[in-house]
Amino acid sequence: MTETGNPIFNNLARLMTDAAGVATGVKREAEGVMKAQLERLIRDMDVVSREEFEAVRTMAILARDENERLAARIAELEQKIG
């Protein structure tokens, strides 16, 4: 901050600098509160994590593949029987 010969301008500049610092602090605090609220909301909604989703997805793919393999085996056996 540059000093001028006028104390009114000096005080005004100091006030603006302090206000900018306060605004930055308020912004950080608001972001922290919002993040905590969103995390709580998501936790309360019982949303699954990405890791849990991927694990279940993999299990579903494996089950579908196994189902298709067994269906083909059943069709093959039915064809042999009759």
PDB file of N, CA and C in Angstrom:
ATOM      1  N   MET A   1       0.864  -1.158   0.000  1.00  0.00           N
ATOM      2  CA  MET A   1       0.000   0.000   0.000  1.00  0.00           C
ATOM      3  C   MET A   1       0.910   1.220   0.000  1.00  0.00           C
ATOM      4  N   THR A   2       0.620   2.154  -0.867  1.00  0.00           N
ATOM      5  CA  THR A   2       1.442   3.358  -0.936  1.00  0.00           C
ATOM      6  C   THR A   2       0.874   4.407   0.008  1.00  0.00           C
ATOM      7  N   GLU A   3       1.768   5.138   0.616  1.00  0.00           N
ATOM      8  CA  GLU A   3       1.366   6.197   1.535  1.00  0.00           C
ATOM      9  C   GLU A   3       1.287   7.505   0.761  1.00  0.00           C
ATOM     10  N   THR A   4       0.224   8.234   0.964  1.00  0.00           N
ATOM     11  CA  THR A   4       0.076   9.560   0.382  1.00  0.00           C
ATOM     12  C   THR A   4       0.150  10.570   1.519  1.00  0.00           C
ATOM     13  N   GLY A   5       0.172  11.820   1.168  1.00  0.00           N
ATOM     14  CA  GLY A   5       0.235  12.851   2.188  1.00  0.00           C
ATOM     15  C   GLY A   5      -1.099  13.070   2.874  1.00  0.00           C
ATOM     16  N   ASN A   6      -2.180  12.522   2.313  1.00  0.00           N
ATOM     17  CA  ASN A   6      -3.512  12.769   2.848  1.00  0.00           C
ATOM     18  C   ASN A   6      -3.924  11.631   3.782  1.00  0.00           C
ATOM     19  N   PRO A   7      -4.154  11.913   5.064  1.00  0.00           N
ATOM     20  CA  PRO A   7      -4.529  10.844   5.991  1.00  0.00           C
ATOM     21  C   PRO A   7      -5.895  10.231   5.688  1.00  0.00           C
ATOM     22  N   ILE A   8      -6.780  10.970   5.069  1.00  0.00           N
ATOM     23  CA  ILE A   8      -8.093  10.412   4.713  1.00  0.00           C
ATOM     24  C   ILE A   8      -7.909   9.292   3.688  1.00  0.00           C
ATOM     25  N   PHE A   9      -7.053   9.547   2.686  1.00  0.00           N
ATOM     26  CA  PHE A   9      -6.795   8.508   1.681  1.00  0.00           C
ATOM     27  C   PHE A   9      -6.064   7.316   2.292  1.00  0.00           C
ATOM     28  N   ASN A  10      -5.160   7.602   3.210  1.00  0.00           N
ATOM     29  CA  ASN A  10      -4.449   6.518   3.894  1.00  0.00           C
ATOM     30  C   ASN A  10      -5.431   5.646   4.681  1.00  0.00           C
ATOM     31  N   ASN A  11      -6.326   6.285   5.407  1.00  0.00           N
ATOM     32  CA  ASN A  11      -7.322   5.544   6.180  1.00  0.00           C
ATOM     33  C   ASN A  11      -8.271   4.776   5.267  1.00  0.00           C
ATOM     34  N   LEU A  12      -8.680   5.383   4.183  1.00  0.00           N
ATOM     35  CA  LEU A  12      -9.567   4.728   3.230  1.00  0.00           C
ATOM     36  C   LEU A  12      -8.869   3.517   2.600  1.00  0.00           C
ATOM     37  N   ALA A  13      -7.609   3.672   2.234  1.00  0.00           N
ATOM     38  CA  ALA A  13      -6.857   2.556   1.650  1.00  0.00           C
ATOM     39  C   ALA A  13      -6.701   1.432   2.665  1.00  0.00           C
ATOM     40  N   ARG A  14      -6.415   1.767   3.905  1.00  0.00           N
ATOM     41  CA  ARG A  14      -6.277   0.764   4.960  1.00  0.00           C
ATOM     42  C   ARG A  14      -7.618   0.047   5.189  1.00  0.00           C
ATOM     43  N   LEU A  15      -8.696   0.801   5.170  1.00  0.00           N
ATOM     44  CA  LEU A  15     -10.034   0.232   5.345  1.00  0.00           C
ATOM     45  C   LEU A  15     -10.366  -0.740   4.210  1.00  0.00           C
ATOM     46  N   MET A  16     -10.031  -0.360   2.982  1.00  0.00           N
ATOM     47  CA  MET A  16     -10.300  -1.228   1.827  1.00  0.00           C
ATOM     48  C   MET A  16      -9.465  -2.506   1.906  1.00  0.00           C
ATOM     49  N   THR A  17      -8.233  -2.384   2.327  1.00  0.00           N
ATOM     50  CA  THR A  17      -7.374  -3.557   2.470  1.00  0.00           C
ATOM     51  C   THR A  17      -7.919  -4.490   3.538  1.00  0.00           C
ATOM     52  N   ASP A  18      -8.325  -3.934   4.658  1.00  0.00           N
ATOM     53  CA  ASP A  18      -8.907  -4.742   5.731  1.00  0.00           C
ATOM     54  C   ASP A  18     -10.211  -5.401   5.276  1.00  0.00           C
ATOM     55  N   ALA A  19     -11.028  -4.665   4.541  1.00  0.00           N
ATOM     56  CA  ALA A  19     -12.304  -5.208   4.047  1.00  0.00           C
ATOM     57  C   ALA A  19     -12.053  -6.372   3.096  1.00  0.00           C
ATOM     58  N   ALA A  20     -11.030  -6.241   2.249  1.00  0.00           N
ATOM     59  CA  ALA A  20     -10.705  -7.333   1.324  1.00  0.00           C
ATOM     60  C   ALA A  20     -10.270  -8.571   2.107  1.00  0.00           C
ATOM     61  N   GLY A  21      -9.502  -8.382   3.166  1.00  0.00           N
ATOM     62  CA  GLY A  21      -9.080  -9.508   3.994  1.00  0.00           C
ATOM     63  C   GLY A  21     -10.248 -10.176   4.681  1.00  0.00           C
ATOM     64  N   VAL A  22     -11.160  -9.364   5.187  1.00  0.00           N
ATOM     65  CA  VAL A  22     -12.352  -9.909   5.846  1.00  0.00           C
ATOM     66  C   VAL A  22     -13.200 -10.674   4.835  1.00  0.00           C
ATOM     67  N   ALA A  23     -13.357 -10.118   3.641  1.00  0.00           N
ATOM     68  CA  ALA A  23     -14.158 -10.779   2.607  1.00  0.00           C
ATOM     69  C   ALA A  23     -13.558 -12.125   2.235  1.00  0.00           C
ATOM     70  N   THR A  24     -12.240 -12.197   2.171  1.00  0.00           N
ATOM     71  CA  THR A  24     -11.580 -13.461   1.862  1.00  0.00           C
ATOM     72  C   THR A  24     -11.836 -14.480   2.970  1.00  0.00           C
ATOM     73  N   GLY A  25     -11.754 -14.042   4.217  1.00  0.00           N
ATOM     74  CA  GLY A  25     -12.026 -14.935   5.340  1.00  0.00           C
ATOM     75  C   GLY A  25     -13.461 -15.424   5.347  1.00  0.00           C
ATOM     76  N   VAL A  26     -14.393 -14.530   5.069  1.00  0.00           N
ATOM     77  CA  VAL A  26     -15.812 -14.902   5.026  1.00  0.00           C
ATOM     78  C   VAL A  26     -16.054 -15.901   3.891  1.00  0.00           C
ATOM     79  N   LYS A  27     -15.404 -15.672   2.770  1.00  0.00           N
ATOM     80  CA  LYS A  27     -15.554 -16.587   1.629  1.00  0.00           C
ATOM     81  C   LYS A  27     -15.064 -17.978   2.013  1.00  0.00           C
ATOM     82  N   ARG A  28     -13.905 -18.070   2.630  1.00  0.00           N
ATOM     83  CA  ARG A  28     -13.372 -19.375   3.047  1.00  0.00           C
ATOM     84  C   ARG A  28     -14.300 -20.060   4.042  1.00  0.00           C
ATOM     85  N   GLU A  29     -14.803 -19.294   4.981  1.00  0.00           N
ATOM     86  CA  GLU A  29     -15.708 -19.848   5.988  1.00  0.00           C
ATOM     87  C   GLU A  29     -16.997 -20.356   5.335  1.00  0.00           C
ATOM     88  N   ALA A  30     -17.548 -19.571   4.406  1.00  0.00           N
ATOM     89  CA  ALA A  30     -18.778 -19.967   3.715  1.00  0.00           C
ATOM     90  C   ALA A  30     -18.542 -21.232   2.897  1.00  0.00           C
ATOM     91  N   GLU A  31     -17.395 -21.319   2.233  1.00  0.00           N
ATOM     92  CA  GLU A  31     -17.088 -22.518   1.451  1.00  0.00           C
ATOM     93  C   GLU A  31     -16.984 -23.741   2.361  1.00  0.00           C
ATOM     94  N   GLY A  32     -16.355 -23.569   3.508  1.00  0.00           N
ATOM     95  CA  GLY A  32     -16.232 -24.674   4.454  1.00  0.00           C
ATOM     96  C   GLY A  32     -17.582 -25.146   4.961  1.00  0.00           C
ATOM     97  N   VAL A  33     -18.455 -24.200   5.293  1.00  0.00           N
ATOM     98  CA  VAL A  33     -19.791 -24.549   5.784  1.00  0.00           C
ATOM     99  C   VAL A  33     -20.589 -25.244   4.685  1.00  0.00           C
ATOM    100  N   MET A  34     -20.518 -24.722   3.470  1.00  0.00           N
ATOM    101  CA  MET A  34     -21.258 -25.326   2.363  1.00  0.00           C
ATOM    102  C   MET A  34     -20.760 -26.741   2.076  1.00  0.00           C
ATOM    103  N   LYS A  35     -19.449 -26.929   2.105  1.00  0.00           N
ATOM    104  CA  LYS A  35     -18.887 -28.252   1.850  1.00  0.00           C
ATOM    105  C   LYS A  35     -19.355 -29.235   2.921  1.00  0.00           C
ATOM    106  N   ALA A  36     -19.330 -28.806   4.172  1.00  0.00           N
ATOM    107  CA  ALA A  36     -19.773 -29.683   5.262  1.00  0.00           C
ATOM    108  C   ALA A  36     -21.253 -30.027   5.111  1.00  0.00           C
ATOM    109  N   GLN A  37     -22.061 -29.052   4.745  1.00  0.00           N
ATOM    110  CA  GLN A  37     -23.496 -29.295   4.566  1.00  0.00           C
ATOM    111  C   GLN A  37     -23.756 -30.257   3.409  1.00  0.00           C
ATOM    112  N   LEU A  38     -23.023 -30.080   2.287  1.00  0.00           N
ATOM    113  CA  LEU A  38     -23.200 -30.971   1.141  1.00  0.00           C
ATOM    114  C   LEU A  38     -22.766 -32.397   1.481  1.00  0.00           C
ATOM    115  N   GLU A  39     -21.656 -32.518   2.200  1.00  0.00           N
ATOM    116  CA  GLU A  39     -21.206 -33.851   2.608  1.00  0.00           C
ATOM    117  C   GLU A  39     -22.235 -34.521   3.509  1.00  0.00           C
ATOM    118  N   ARG A  40     -22.818 -33.765   4.434  1.00  0.00           N
ATOM    119  CA  ARG A  40     -23.843 -34.306   5.315  1.00  0.00           C
ATOM    120  C   ARG A  40     -25.076 -34.715   4.517  1.00  0.00           C
ATOM    121  N   LEU A  41     -25.481 -33.874   3.573  1.00  0.00           N
ATOM    122  CA  LEU A  41     -26.645 -34.174   2.740  1.00  0.00           C
ATOM    123  C   LEU A  41     -26.432 -35.448   1.939  1.00  0.00           C
ATOM    124  N   ILE A  42     -25.273 -35.587   1.333  1.00  0.00           N
ATOM    125  CA  ILE A  42     -24.975 -36.780   0.544  1.00  0.00           C
ATOM    126  C   ILE A  42     -24.935 -38.007   1.448  1.00  0.00           C
ATOM    127  N   ARG A  43     -24.341 -37.868   2.616  1.00  0.00           N
ATOM    128  CA  ARG A  43     -24.277 -38.986   3.562  1.00  0.00           C
ATOM    129  C   ARG A  43     -25.694 -39.395   4.000  1.00  0.00           C
ATOM    130  N   ASP A  44     -26.553 -38.407   4.248  1.00  0.00           N
ATOM    131  CA  ASP A  44     -27.930 -38.692   4.662  1.00  0.00           C
ATOM    132  C   ASP A  44     -28.761 -39.308   3.538  1.00  0.00           C
ATOM    133  N   MET A  45     -28.405 -39.023   2.294  1.00  0.00           N
ATOM    134  CA  MET A  45     -29.133 -39.565   1.151  1.00  0.00           C
ATOM    135  C   MET A  45     -28.757 -41.025   0.898  1.00  0.00           C
ATOM    136  N   ASP A  46     -27.755 -41.521   1.607  1.00  0.00           N
ATOM    137  CA  ASP A  46     -27.296 -42.901   1.463  1.00  0.00           C
ATOM    138  C   ASP A  46     -26.826 -43.174   0.039  1.00  0.00           C
ATOM    139  N   VAL A  47     -26.047 -42.255  -0.504  1.00  0.00           N
ATOM    140  CA  VAL A  47     -25.480 -42.381  -1.844  1.00  0.00           C
ATOM    141  C   VAL A  47     -24.244 -43.270  -1.755  1.00  0.00           C
ATOM    142  N   VAL A  48     -24.099 -44.181  -2.709  1.00  0.00           N
ATOM    143  CA  VAL A  48     -22.946 -45.077  -2.690  1.00  0.00           C
ATOM    144  C   VAL A  48     -21.706 -44.354  -3.208  1.00  0.00           C
ATOM    145  N   SER A  49     -20.562 -44.827  -2.770  1.00  0.00           N
ATOM    146  CA  SER A  49     -19.305 -44.253  -3.254  1.00  0.00           C
ATOM    147  C   SER A  49     -18.995 -44.810  -4.638  1.00  0.00           C
ATOM    148  N   ARG A  50     -18.081 -44.188  -5.317  1.00  0.00           N
ATOM    149  CA  ARG A  50     -17.683 -44.637  -6.653  1.00  0.00           C
ATOM    150  C   ARG A  50     -17.104 -46.053  -6.587  1.00  0.00           C
ATOM    151  N   GLU A  51     -16.324 -46.327  -5.535  1.00  0.00           N
ATOM    152  CA  GLU A  51     -15.711 -47.640  -5.388  1.00  0.00           C
ATOM    153  C   GLU A  51     -16.776 -48.721  -5.210  1.00  0.00           C
ATOM    154  N   GLU A  52     -17.793 -48.420  -4.384  1.00  0.00           N
ATOM    155  CA  GLU A  52     -18.872 -49.385  -4.184  1.00  0.00           C
ATOM    156  C   GLU A  52     -19.644 -49.614  -5.482  1.00  0.00           C
ATOM    157  N   PHE A  53     -19.895 -48.542  -6.216  1.00  0.00           N
ATOM    158  CA  PHE A  53     -20.614 -48.650  -7.484  1.00  0.00           C
ATOM    159  C   PHE A  53     -19.835 -49.521  -8.460  1.00  0.00           C
ATOM    160  N   GLU A  54     -18.538 -49.277  -8.577  1.00  0.00           N
ATOM    161  CA  GLU A  54     -17.714 -50.049  -9.510  1.00  0.00           C
ATOM    162  C   GLU A  54     -17.656 -51.516  -9.112  1.00  0.00           C
ATOM    163  N   ALA A  55     -17.599 -51.810  -7.819  1.00  0.00           N
ATOM    164  CA  ALA A  55     -17.575 -53.203  -7.354  1.00  0.00           C
ATOM    165  C   ALA A  55     -18.867 -53.919  -7.732  1.00  0.00           C
ATOM    166  N   VAL A  56     -20.005 -53.278  -7.508  1.00  0.00           N
ATOM    167  CA  VAL A  56     -21.294 -53.895  -7.853  1.00  0.00           C
ATOM    168  C   VAL A  56     -21.438 -54.021  -9.364  1.00  0.00           C
ATOM    169  N   ARG A  57     -20.955 -53.038 -10.088  1.00  0.00           N
ATOM    170  CA  ARG A  57     -21.008 -53.084 -11.558  1.00  0.00           C
ATOM    171  C   ARG A  57     -20.219 -54.282 -12.078  1.00  0.00           C
ATOM    172  N   THR A  58     -19.023 -54.480 -11.531  1.00  0.00           N
ATOM    173  CA  THR A  58     -18.194 -55.619 -11.930  1.00  0.00           C
ATOM    174  C   THR A  58     -18.885 -56.933 -11.615  1.00  0.00           C
ATOM    175  N   MET A  59     -19.500 -57.009 -10.427  1.00  0.00           N
ATOM    176  CA  MET A  59     -20.234 -58.226 -10.061  1.00  0.00           C
ATOM    177  C   MET A  59     -21.395 -58.473 -11.026  1.00  0.00           C
ATOM    178  N   ALA A  60     -22.093 -57.434 -11.430  1.00  0.00           N
ATOM    179  CA  ALA A  60     -23.223 -57.582 -12.349  1.00  0.00           C
ATOM    180  C   ALA A  60     -22.749 -58.060 -13.719  1.00  0.00           C
ATOM    181  N   ILE A  61     -21.632 -57.538 -14.186  1.00  0.00           N
ATOM    182  CA  ILE A  61     -21.090 -57.968 -15.480  1.00  0.00           C
ATOM    183  C   ILE A  61     -20.706 -59.441 -15.424  1.00  0.00           C
ATOM    184  N   LEU A  62     -20.027 -59.845 -14.340  1.00  0.00           N
ATOM    185  CA  LEU A  62     -19.634 -61.245 -14.187  1.00  0.00           C
ATOM    186  C   LEU A  62     -20.859 -62.152 -14.096  1.00  0.00           C
ATOM    187  N   ALA A  63     -21.881 -61.724 -13.366  1.00  0.00           N
ATOM    188  CA  ALA A  63     -23.104 -62.523 -13.239  1.00  0.00           C
ATOM    189  C   ALA A  63     -23.808 -62.653 -14.590  1.00  0.00           C
ATOM    190  N   ARG A  64     -23.852 -61.570 -15.355  1.00  0.00           N
ATOM    191  CA  ARG A  64     -24.483 -61.628 -16.674  1.00  0.00           C
ATOM    192  C   ARG A  64     -23.721 -62.578 -17.592  1.00  0.00           C
ATOM    193  N   ASP A  65     -22.401 -62.495 -17.574  1.00  0.00           N
ATOM    194  CA  ASP A  65     -21.597 -63.394 -18.403  1.00  0.00           C
ATOM    195  C   ASP A  65     -21.824 -64.857 -18.016  1.00  0.00           C
ATOM    196  N   GLU A  66     -21.859 -65.122 -16.703  1.00  0.00           N
ATOM    197  CA  GLU A  66     -22.112 -66.478 -16.208  1.00  0.00           C
ATOM    198  C   GLU A  66     -23.501 -66.946 -16.619  1.00  0.00           C
ATOM    199  N   ASN A  67     -24.484 -66.062 -16.542  1.00  0.00           N
ATOM    200  CA  ASN A  67     -25.849 -66.391 -16.936  1.00  0.00           C
ATOM    201  C   ASN A  67     -25.915 -66.755 -18.419  1.00  0.00           C
ATOM    202  N   GLU A  68     -25.225 -65.987 -19.247  1.00  0.00           N
ATOM    203  CA  GLU A  68     -25.209 -66.270 -20.688  1.00  0.00           C
ATOM    204  C   GLU A  68     -24.521 -67.606 -20.965  1.00  0.00           C
ATOM    205  N   ARG A  69     -23.431 -67.882 -20.248  1.00  0.00           N
ATOM    206  CA  ARG A  69     -22.714 -69.141 -20.430  1.00  0.00           C
ATOM    207  C   ARG A  69     -23.603 -70.318 -20.019  1.00  0.00           C
ATOM    208  N   LEU A  70     -24.295 -70.180 -18.888  1.00  0.00           N
ATOM    209  CA  LEU A  70     -25.178 -71.255 -18.433  1.00  0.00           C
ATOM    210  C   LEU A  70     -26.373 -71.439 -19.365  1.00  0.00           C
ATOM    211  N   ALA A  71     -26.912 -70.356 -19.889  1.00  0.00           N
ATOM    212  CA  ALA A  71     -28.034 -70.462 -20.833  1.00  0.00           C
ATOM    213  C   ALA A  71     -27.595 -71.199 -22.094  1.00  0.00           C
ATOM    214  N   ALA A  72     -26.391 -70.918 -22.552  1.00  0.00           N
ATOM    215  CA  ALA A  72     -25.887 -71.620 -23.733  1.00  0.00           C
ATOM    216  C   ALA A  72     -25.682 -73.104 -23.430  1.00  0.00           C
ATOM    217  N   ARG A  73     -25.189 -73.411 -22.232  1.00  0.00           N
ATOM    218  CA  ARG A  73     -24.981 -74.812 -21.824  1.00  0.00           C
ATOM    219  C   ARG A  73     -26.313 -75.550 -21.727  1.00  0.00           C
ATOM    220  N   ILE A  74     -27.330 -74.902 -21.167  1.00  0.00           N
ATOM    221  CA  ILE A  74     -28.664 -75.513 -21.074  1.00  0.00           C
ATOM    222  C   ILE A  74     -29.221 -75.780 -22.465  1.00  0.00           C
ATOM    223  N   ALA A  75     -29.072 -74.823 -23.360  1.00  0.00           N
ATOM    224  CA  ALA A  75     -29.571 -75.007 -24.729  1.00  0.00           C
ATOM    225  C   ALA A  75     -28.861 -76.169 -25.403  1.00  0.00           C
ATOM    226  N   GLU A  76     -27.555 -76.297 -25.155  1.00  0.00           N
ATOM    227  CA  GLU A  76     -26.777 -77.399 -25.734  1.00  0.00           C
ATOM    228  C   GLU A  76     -27.251 -78.746 -25.186  1.00  0.00           C
ATOM    229  N   LEU A  77     -27.482 -78.809 -23.887  1.00  0.00           N
ATOM    230  CA  LEU A  77     -27.964 -80.044 -23.272  1.00  0.00           C
ATOM    231  C   LEU A  77     -29.367 -80.402 -23.745  1.00  0.00           C
ATOM    232  N   GLU A  78     -30.242 -79.405 -23.853  1.00  0.00           N
ATOM    233  CA  GLU A  78     -31.605 -79.653 -24.343  1.00  0.00           C
ATOM    234  C   GLU A  78     -31.587 -80.170 -25.779  1.00  0.00           C
ATOM    235  N   GLN A  79     -30.654 -79.668 -26.566  1.00  0.00           N
ATOM    236  CA  GLN A  79     -30.556 -80.109 -27.952  1.00  0.00           C
ATOM    237  C   GLN A  79     -30.096 -81.568 -27.997  1.00  0.00           C
ATOM    238  N   LYS A  80     -29.190 -81.948 -27.118  1.00  0.00           N
ATOM    239  CA  LYS A  80     -28.731 -83.341 -27.063  1.00  0.00           C
ATOM    240  C   LYS A  80     -29.847 -84.286 -26.628  1.00  0.00           C
ATOM    241  N   ILE A  81     -30.694 -83.826 -25.684  1.00  0.00           N
ATOM    242  CA  ILE A  81     -31.761 -84.669 -25.160  1.00  0.00           C
ATOM    243  C   ILE A  81     -32.860 -84.867 -26.212  1.00  0.00           C
ATOM    244  N   GLY A  82     -33.215 -83.828 -26.881  1.00  0.00           N
ATOM    245  CA  GLY A  82     -34.376 -84.047 -27.704  1.00  0.00           C
ATOM    246  C   GLY A  82     -34.407 -83.305 -28.960  1.00  0.00           C
TER     247      GLY A  82
END
